[in-house]
Amino acid sequence: MSTEAVRQHLLARGWSGEILEFEESSATVELAAEKVGTEPARIAKTLGFYSPNDDGTAVLIVAAGDAKVNGGAFKRAFGGKPRMLRAEDVLELTGHPVGGVCPFVNPESAQVYLDESLRRFETVYPAAGTSKSAVELEVSELAELSEALDWVDVATGWREDT
């Protein structure tokens, strides 16, 4: 998958913004935040997990950069313990390389969910299909353009009380 495929996906859904492309990697929350000039929490990281029903598909959780997926909350939401995708399975199950996984242009079998940790921001920056790209979107746009199945509350570390 490429940034161009993500661009075409977004444009086909009425988006008219700009994808940011960098010469160097933006594959981590810290690098992405530095590249786009924002706080790390506003980076919308897409975390890939094996589906708990072991059907060979992925569950993709898009969460704020300062959030961590809580095992118990994930199990309650999805019916099984979270198991992160192995690097060798990322491209096949998400359609994107490690560092460029995003909530757009994923295989039909991939299930995309947005975490509540994102709702505290007006805009966030998910990757755009490569480890050297990002796109600024309003959270409401992200929900629409990602075609996420639902909102979940599976992350901790971002609330003052967690």
C-alpha atoms as a PDB file:
ATOM      1  CA  MET A   1       0.000   0.000   0.000  1.00  0.00           C
ATOM      2  CA  SER A   2       1.182   3.514  -0.579  1.00  0.00           C
ATOM      3  CA  THR A   3       0.491   7.078   0.338  1.00  0.00           C
ATOM      4  CA  GLU A   4      -1.063   7.488  -3.104  1.00  0.00           C
ATOM      5  CA  ALA A   5      -3.595   4.713  -2.364  1.00  0.00           C
ATOM      6  CA  VAL A   6      -4.497   6.440   0.909  1.00  0.00           C
ATOM      7  CA  ARG A   7      -4.793   9.786  -0.883  1.00  0.00           C
ATOM      8  CA  GLN A   8      -7.156   8.267  -3.462  1.00  0.00           C
ATOM      9  CA  HIS A   9      -9.210   6.627  -0.679  1.00  0.00           C
ATOM     10  CA  LEU A  10      -9.580   9.932   1.157  1.00  0.00           C
ATOM     11  CA  LEU A  11     -10.324  11.974  -1.969  1.00  0.00           C
ATOM     12  CA  ALA A  12     -12.979   9.476  -3.069  1.00  0.00           C
ATOM     13  CA  ARG A  13     -14.762  10.146   0.219  1.00  0.00           C
ATOM     14  CA  GLY A  14     -14.816  13.922  -0.211  1.00  0.00           C
ATOM     15  CA  TRP A  15     -11.680  14.847   1.708  1.00  0.00           C
ATOM     16  CA  SER A  16      -9.696  17.756   0.272  1.00  0.00           C
ATOM     17  CA  GLY A  17      -6.706  18.117   2.593  1.00  0.00           C
ATOM     18  CA  GLU A  18      -3.012  17.452   2.234  1.00  0.00           C
ATOM     19  CA  ILE A  19      -1.003  14.362   3.097  1.00  0.00           C
ATOM     20  CA  LEU A  20       2.275  15.274   4.750  1.00  0.00           C
ATOM     21  CA  GLU A  21       5.271  13.357   3.396  1.00  0.00           C
ATOM     22  CA  PHE A  22       8.703  13.379   4.984  1.00  0.00           C
ATOM     23  CA  GLU A  23      12.205  12.506   3.845  1.00  0.00           C
ATOM     24  CA  GLU A  24      12.914  10.643   7.075  1.00  0.00           C
ATOM     25  CA  SER A  25      10.892   8.173   9.098  1.00  0.00           C
ATOM     26  CA  SER A  26       7.900   9.208  11.151  1.00  0.00           C
ATOM     27  CA  ALA A  27       7.286   5.606  12.233  1.00  0.00           C
ATOM     28  CA  THR A  28       7.147   6.224  15.986  1.00  0.00           C
ATOM     29  CA  VAL A  29       4.881   8.510  17.960  1.00  0.00           C
ATOM     30  CA  GLU A  30       7.834  10.690  18.920  1.00  0.00           C
ATOM     31  CA  LEU A  31       9.185  10.967  15.368  1.00  0.00           C
ATOM     32  CA  ALA A  32       5.740  11.712  13.938  1.00  0.00           C
ATOM     33  CA  ALA A  33       5.070  14.387  16.560  1.00  0.00           C
ATOM     34  CA  GLU A  34       8.396  16.025  15.769  1.00  0.00           C
ATOM     35  CA  LYS A  35       7.735  15.929  12.004  1.00  0.00           C
ATOM     36  CA  VAL A  36       4.253  17.465  12.198  1.00  0.00           C
ATOM     37  CA  GLY A  37       5.068  19.847  15.060  1.00  0.00           C
ATOM     38  CA  THR A  38       2.604  18.670  17.672  1.00  0.00           C
ATOM     39  CA  GLU A  39       2.495  16.929  21.016  1.00  0.00           C
ATOM     40  CA  PRO A  40       2.910  13.133  20.912  1.00  0.00           C
ATOM     41  CA  ALA A  41      -0.590  12.570  22.333  1.00  0.00           C
ATOM     42  CA  ARG A  42      -2.133  13.952  19.097  1.00  0.00           C
ATOM     43  CA  ILE A  43      -0.515  11.260  16.978  1.00  0.00           C
ATOM     44  CA  ALA A  44      -3.247   8.732  16.159  1.00  0.00           C
ATOM     45  CA  LYS A  45      -1.298   5.483  16.275  1.00  0.00           C
ATOM     46  CA  THR A  46      -2.821   2.392  14.719  1.00  0.00           C
ATOM     47  CA  LEU A  47      -2.060  -0.708  16.768  1.00  0.00           C
ATOM     48  CA  GLY A  48      -2.534  -4.098  15.156  1.00  0.00           C
ATOM     49  CA  PHE A  49      -3.721  -7.192  17.018  1.00  0.00           C
ATOM     50  CA  TYR A  50      -4.690 -10.677  15.958  1.00  0.00           C
ATOM     51  CA  SER A  51      -8.439 -11.164  16.111  1.00  0.00           C
ATOM     52  CA  PRO A  52      -9.252 -13.033  19.353  1.00  0.00           C
ATOM     53  CA  ASN A  53     -11.396 -15.518  17.432  1.00  0.00           C
ATOM     54  CA  ASP A  54      -8.245 -16.747  15.606  1.00  0.00           C
ATOM     55  CA  ASP A  55      -9.752 -16.337  12.160  1.00  0.00           C
ATOM     56  CA  GLY A  56      -6.546 -14.939  10.628  1.00  0.00           C
ATOM     57  CA  THR A  57      -7.720 -11.327  10.612  1.00  0.00           C
ATOM     58  CA  ALA A  58      -6.562  -8.193  12.379  1.00  0.00           C
ATOM     59  CA  VAL A  59      -8.183  -5.842  14.861  1.00  0.00           C
ATOM     60  CA  LEU A  60      -6.784  -2.334  14.410  1.00  0.00           C
ATOM     61  CA  ILE A  61      -7.111   0.052  17.339  1.00  0.00           C
ATOM     62  CA  VAL A  62      -6.483   3.714  16.575  1.00  0.00           C
ATOM     63  CA  ALA A  63      -5.490   5.407  19.831  1.00  0.00           C
ATOM     64  CA  ALA A  64      -3.873   8.609  21.008  1.00  0.00           C
ATOM     65  CA  GLY A  65      -0.089   8.641  21.086  1.00  0.00           C
ATOM     66  CA  ASP A  66       0.063   8.700  24.889  1.00  0.00           C
ATOM     67  CA  ALA A  67      -2.363   5.796  25.365  1.00  0.00           C
ATOM     68  CA  LYS A  68      -1.597   2.117  25.891  1.00  0.00           C
ATOM     69  CA  VAL A  69      -4.026  -0.724  25.227  1.00  0.00           C
ATOM     70  CA  ASN A  70      -5.183  -2.322  28.469  1.00  0.00           C
ATOM     71  CA  GLY A  71      -5.368  -6.121  28.272  1.00  0.00           C
ATOM     72  CA  GLY A  72      -8.458  -6.433  30.449  1.00  0.00           C
ATOM     73  CA  ALA A  73     -10.358  -3.727  28.613  1.00  0.00           C
ATOM     74  CA  PHE A  74      -9.433  -5.284  25.260  1.00  0.00           C
ATOM     75  CA  LYS A  75     -10.585  -8.711  26.449  1.00  0.00           C
ATOM     76  CA  ARG A  76     -13.927  -7.291  27.609  1.00  0.00           C
ATOM     77  CA  ALA A  77     -14.434  -5.480  24.299  1.00  0.00           C
ATOM     78  CA  PHE A  78     -13.294  -8.236  21.941  1.00  0.00           C
ATOM     79  CA  GLY A  79     -13.628 -11.492  23.872  1.00  0.00           C
ATOM     80  CA  GLY A  80      -9.958 -12.414  24.085  1.00  0.00           C
ATOM     81  CA  LYS A  81      -6.531 -11.276  25.170  1.00  0.00           C
ATOM     82  CA  PRO A  82      -4.734  -8.787  22.928  1.00  0.00           C
ATOM     83  CA  ARG A  83      -1.910 -10.305  20.875  1.00  0.00           C
ATOM     84  CA  MET A  84       0.074  -7.754  18.871  1.00  0.00           C
ATOM     85  CA  LEU A  85       0.699  -8.587  15.239  1.00  0.00           C
ATOM     86  CA  ARG A  86       4.164  -9.985  14.543  1.00  0.00           C
ATOM     87  CA  ALA A  87       6.214  -7.837  12.163  1.00  0.00           C
ATOM     88  CA  GLU A  88       6.104 -10.521   9.465  1.00  0.00           C
ATOM     89  CA  ASP A  89       2.270 -10.484   9.488  1.00  0.00           C
ATOM     90  CA  VAL A  90       1.698  -6.710   9.528  1.00  0.00           C
ATOM     91  CA  LEU A  91       1.738  -6.066   5.780  1.00  0.00           C
ATOM     92  CA  GLU A  92      -0.492  -9.021   4.929  1.00  0.00           C
ATOM     93  CA  LEU A  93      -3.099  -8.336   7.625  1.00  0.00           C
ATOM     94  CA  THR A  94      -3.180  -4.515   7.454  1.00  0.00           C
ATOM     95  CA  GLY A  95      -2.120  -3.701   3.909  1.00  0.00           C
ATOM     96  CA  HIS A  96       0.610  -1.408   5.238  1.00  0.00           C
ATOM     97  CA  PRO A  97       4.251  -1.787   6.321  1.00  0.00           C
ATOM     98  CA  VAL A  98       5.415  -1.605   9.919  1.00  0.00           C
ATOM     99  CA  GLY A  99       5.529   2.086  10.867  1.00  0.00           C
ATOM    100  CA  GLY A 100       2.951   3.019   8.244  1.00  0.00           C
ATOM    101  CA  VAL A 101      -0.082   1.130   9.513  1.00  0.00           C
ATOM    102  CA  CYS A 102      -3.080   3.402   9.339  1.00  0.00           C
ATOM    103  CA  PRO A 103      -6.875   3.134   9.440  1.00  0.00           C
ATOM    104  CA  PHE A 104      -7.302   3.590   5.670  1.00  0.00           C
ATOM    105  CA  VAL A 105      -7.227   1.174   2.718  1.00  0.00           C
ATOM    106  CA  ASN A 106      -6.974  -1.920   4.877  1.00  0.00           C
ATOM    107  CA  PRO A 107      -7.998  -5.388   3.705  1.00  0.00           C
ATOM    108  CA  GLU A 108     -11.732  -5.911   3.993  1.00  0.00           C
ATOM    109  CA  SER A 109     -11.106  -8.455   6.766  1.00  0.00           C
ATOM    110  CA  ALA A 110      -9.323  -5.910   9.004  1.00  0.00           C
ATOM    111  CA  GLN A 111     -11.550  -4.467  11.712  1.00  0.00           C
ATOM    112  CA  VAL A 112     -10.837  -0.807  12.536  1.00  0.00           C
ATOM    113  CA  TYR A 113     -11.898   0.690  15.883  1.00  0.00           C
ATOM    114  CA  LEU A 114     -11.248   4.160  17.288  1.00  0.00           C
ATOM    115  CA  ASP A 115     -10.324   4.506  20.947  1.00  0.00           C
ATOM    116  CA  GLU A 116     -11.937   7.071  23.239  1.00  0.00           C
ATOM    117  CA  SER A 117      -8.485   8.554  23.929  1.00  0.00           C
ATOM    118  CA  LEU A 118      -8.776  10.415  20.599  1.00  0.00           C
ATOM    119  CA  ARG A 119     -11.995  12.272  21.437  1.00  0.00           C
ATOM    120  CA  ARG A 120     -10.227  14.867  23.621  1.00  0.00           C
ATOM    121  CA  PHE A 121      -8.618  16.428  20.530  1.00  0.00           C
ATOM    122  CA  GLU A 122     -10.112  18.457  17.713  1.00  0.00           C
ATOM    123  CA  THR A 123      -7.556  17.124  15.214  1.00  0.00           C
ATOM    124  CA  VAL A 124      -5.140  14.186  15.209  1.00  0.00           C
ATOM    125  CA  TYR A 125      -2.435  12.838  12.899  1.00  0.00           C
ATOM    126  CA  PRO A 126      -2.660   9.226  11.738  1.00  0.00           C
ATOM    127  CA  ALA A 127      -0.088   7.751   9.350  1.00  0.00           C
ATOM    128  CA  ALA A 128      -1.011   7.765   5.667  1.00  0.00           C
ATOM    129  CA  GLY A 129       0.167   4.354   4.508  1.00  0.00           C
ATOM    130  CA  THR A 130       3.944   4.628   4.860  1.00  0.00           C
ATOM    131  CA  SER A 131       6.493   5.187   7.609  1.00  0.00           C
ATOM    132  CA  LYS A 132       7.176   8.655   6.176  1.00  0.00           C
ATOM    133  CA  SER A 133       3.694  10.153   6.036  1.00  0.00           C
ATOM    134  CA  ALA A 134       0.870  11.601   8.122  1.00  0.00           C
ATOM    135  CA  VAL A 135      -2.388  13.419   7.614  1.00  0.00           C
ATOM    136  CA  GLU A 136      -4.100  15.902   9.911  1.00  0.00           C
ATOM    137  CA  LEU A 137      -7.796  15.121  10.349  1.00  0.00           C
ATOM    138  CA  GLU A 138     -10.565  16.300  12.605  1.00  0.00           C
ATOM    139  CA  VAL A 139     -11.532  13.418  14.870  1.00  0.00           C
ATOM    140  CA  SER A 140     -14.997  13.373  13.290  1.00  0.00           C
ATOM    141  CA  GLU A 141     -13.352  13.119   9.834  1.00  0.00           C
ATOM    142  CA  LEU A 142     -11.164  10.274  11.049  1.00  0.00           C
ATOM    143  CA  ALA A 143     -14.245   8.371  12.188  1.00  0.00           C
ATOM    144  CA  GLU A 144     -15.901   8.829   8.804  1.00  0.00           C
ATOM    145  CA  LEU A 145     -12.899   8.399   6.511  1.00  0.00           C
ATOM    146  CA  SER A 146     -11.509   5.362   8.307  1.00  0.00           C
ATOM    147  CA  GLU A 147     -14.878   3.625   8.093  1.00  0.00           C
ATOM    148  CA  ALA A 148     -14.241   2.463  11.659  1.00  0.00           C
ATOM    149  CA  LEU A 149     -16.688  -0.086  12.988  1.00  0.00           C
ATOM    150  CA  ASP A 150     -17.126   1.642  16.345  1.00  0.00           C
ATOM    151  CA  TRP A 151     -15.599   3.564  19.211  1.00  0.00           C
ATOM    152  CA  VAL A 152     -14.030   1.507  22.021  1.00  0.00           C
ATOM    153  CA  ASP A 153     -12.560   2.363  25.411  1.00  0.00           C
ATOM    154  CA  VAL A 154      -9.592   0.011  25.663  1.00  0.00           C
ATOM    155  CA  ALA A 155      -6.662   2.348  26.355  1.00  0.00           C
ATOM    156  CA  THR A 156      -5.173   3.640  29.576  1.00  0.00           C
ATOM    157  CA  GLY A 157      -2.492   6.123  30.501  1.00  0.00           C
ATOM    158  CA  TRP A 158      -4.145   9.124  28.924  1.00  0.00           C
ATOM    159  CA  ARG A 159      -6.655  10.056  31.614  1.00  0.00           C
ATOM    160  CA  GLU A 160      -5.489  11.782  34.749  1.00  0.00           C
ATOM    161  CA  ASP A 161      -6.938   8.967  36.855  1.00  0.00           C
ATOM    162  CA  THR A 162      -5.266   6.100  34.924  1.00  0.00           C
END
